[in-house]
Amino acid sequence: MTPGSVRSAAALNEQIRALWIRAGGSLSAQERAEYELLVVEWAEAIRGEVIEAA
């Protein structure tokens, strides 16, 4: 994942949900790291969508 990603917040949300489902609700250290990156990217996408909407 790179800064300035063009993935939408909705797409990232789906990836986060899929990660939790695959993990069975308990994340390993590697999955937690992936989750944290996805959440940061999701938050950036949300901010970008809010700014664009304004």
C-alpha atoms as a PDB file:
ATOM      1  CA  MET A   1       0.000   0.000   0.000  1.00  0.00           C
ATOM      2  CA  THR A   2       1.346   3.340  -0.962  1.00  0.00           C
ATOM      3  CA  PRO A   3       0.579   6.849   0.231  1.00  0.00           C
ATOM      4  CA  GLY A   4      -1.993   8.606  -1.914  1.00  0.00           C
ATOM      5  CA  SER A   5      -3.806   5.395  -2.732  1.00  0.00           C
ATOM      6  CA  VAL A   6      -6.692   5.672  -5.156  1.00  0.00           C
ATOM      7  CA  ARG A   7      -8.723   2.941  -3.467  1.00  0.00           C
ATOM      8  CA  SER A   8     -12.076   4.108  -2.188  1.00  0.00           C
ATOM      9  CA  ALA A   9     -13.075   4.021   1.458  1.00  0.00           C
ATOM     10  CA  ALA A  10     -15.741   1.456   0.549  1.00  0.00           C
ATOM     11  CA  ALA A  11     -13.189  -0.844  -1.119  1.00  0.00           C
ATOM     12  CA  LEU A  12     -10.871  -0.551   1.863  1.00  0.00           C
ATOM     13  CA  ASN A  13     -13.744  -1.224   4.244  1.00  0.00           C
ATOM     14  CA  GLU A  14     -14.490  -4.435   2.349  1.00  0.00           C
ATOM     15  CA  GLN A  15     -10.841  -5.493   2.661  1.00  0.00           C
ATOM     16  CA  ILE A  16     -10.922  -4.809   6.402  1.00  0.00           C
ATOM     17  CA  ARG A  17     -14.095  -6.868   6.788  1.00  0.00           C
ATOM     18  CA  ALA A  18     -12.618  -9.718   4.728  1.00  0.00           C
ATOM     19  CA  LEU A  19      -9.475  -9.699   6.867  1.00  0.00           C
ATOM     20  CA  TRP A  20     -11.529 -10.051  10.052  1.00  0.00           C
ATOM     21  CA  ILE A  21     -13.585 -12.857   8.537  1.00  0.00           C
ATOM     22  CA  ARG A  22     -10.467 -14.731   7.365  1.00  0.00           C
ATOM     23  CA  ALA A  23      -8.891 -14.270  10.787  1.00  0.00           C
ATOM     24  CA  GLY A  24     -11.969 -15.567  12.570  1.00  0.00           C
ATOM     25  CA  GLY A  25     -12.139 -12.475  14.763  1.00  0.00           C
ATOM     26  CA  SER A  26      -8.648 -12.847  16.243  1.00  0.00           C
ATOM     27  CA  LEU A  27      -5.756 -11.239  14.391  1.00  0.00           C
ATOM     28  CA  SER A  28      -2.209 -12.590  14.355  1.00  0.00           C
ATOM     29  CA  ALA A  29       0.673 -10.112  14.590  1.00  0.00           C
ATOM     30  CA  GLN A  30       0.998 -10.078  10.789  1.00  0.00           C
ATOM     31  CA  GLU A  31      -2.750  -9.634  10.316  1.00  0.00           C
ATOM     32  CA  ARG A  32      -2.785  -6.836  12.898  1.00  0.00           C
ATOM     33  CA  ALA A  33      -0.063  -5.015  10.955  1.00  0.00           C
ATOM     34  CA  GLU A  34      -2.086  -5.418   7.737  1.00  0.00           C
ATOM     35  CA  TYR A  35      -5.217  -4.221   9.561  1.00  0.00           C
ATOM     36  CA  GLU A  36      -3.453  -1.127  10.873  1.00  0.00           C
ATOM     37  CA  LEU A  37      -2.236  -0.195   7.390  1.00  0.00           C
ATOM     38  CA  LEU A  38      -5.710  -0.691   5.954  1.00  0.00           C
ATOM     39  CA  VAL A  39      -7.305   1.456   8.663  1.00  0.00           C
ATOM     40  CA  VAL A  40      -4.833   4.288   8.080  1.00  0.00           C
ATOM     41  CA  GLU A  41      -5.456   4.124   4.334  1.00  0.00           C
ATOM     42  CA  TRP A  42      -9.233   3.970   4.941  1.00  0.00           C
ATOM     43  CA  ALA A  43      -9.077   7.085   7.148  1.00  0.00           C
ATOM     44  CA  GLU A  44      -7.126   8.939   4.451  1.00  0.00           C
ATOM     45  CA  ALA A  45      -9.691   7.880   1.836  1.00  0.00           C
ATOM     46  CA  ILE A  46     -12.552   9.085   4.049  1.00  0.00           C
ATOM     47  CA  ARG A  47     -10.841  12.466   4.517  1.00  0.00           C
ATOM     48  CA  GLY A  48     -10.284  12.721   0.779  1.00  0.00           C
ATOM     49  CA  GLU A  49     -13.923  11.932   0.052  1.00  0.00           C
ATOM     50  CA  VAL A  50     -15.125  14.503   2.607  1.00  0.00           C
ATOM     51  CA  ILE A  51     -12.835  17.196   1.211  1.00  0.00           C
ATOM     52  CA  GLU A  52     -13.906  16.365  -2.353  1.00  0.00           C
ATOM     53  CA  ALA A  53     -17.577  16.547  -1.345  1.00  0.00           C
ATOM     54  CA  ALA A  54     -17.069  19.950   0.249  1.00  0.00           C
END
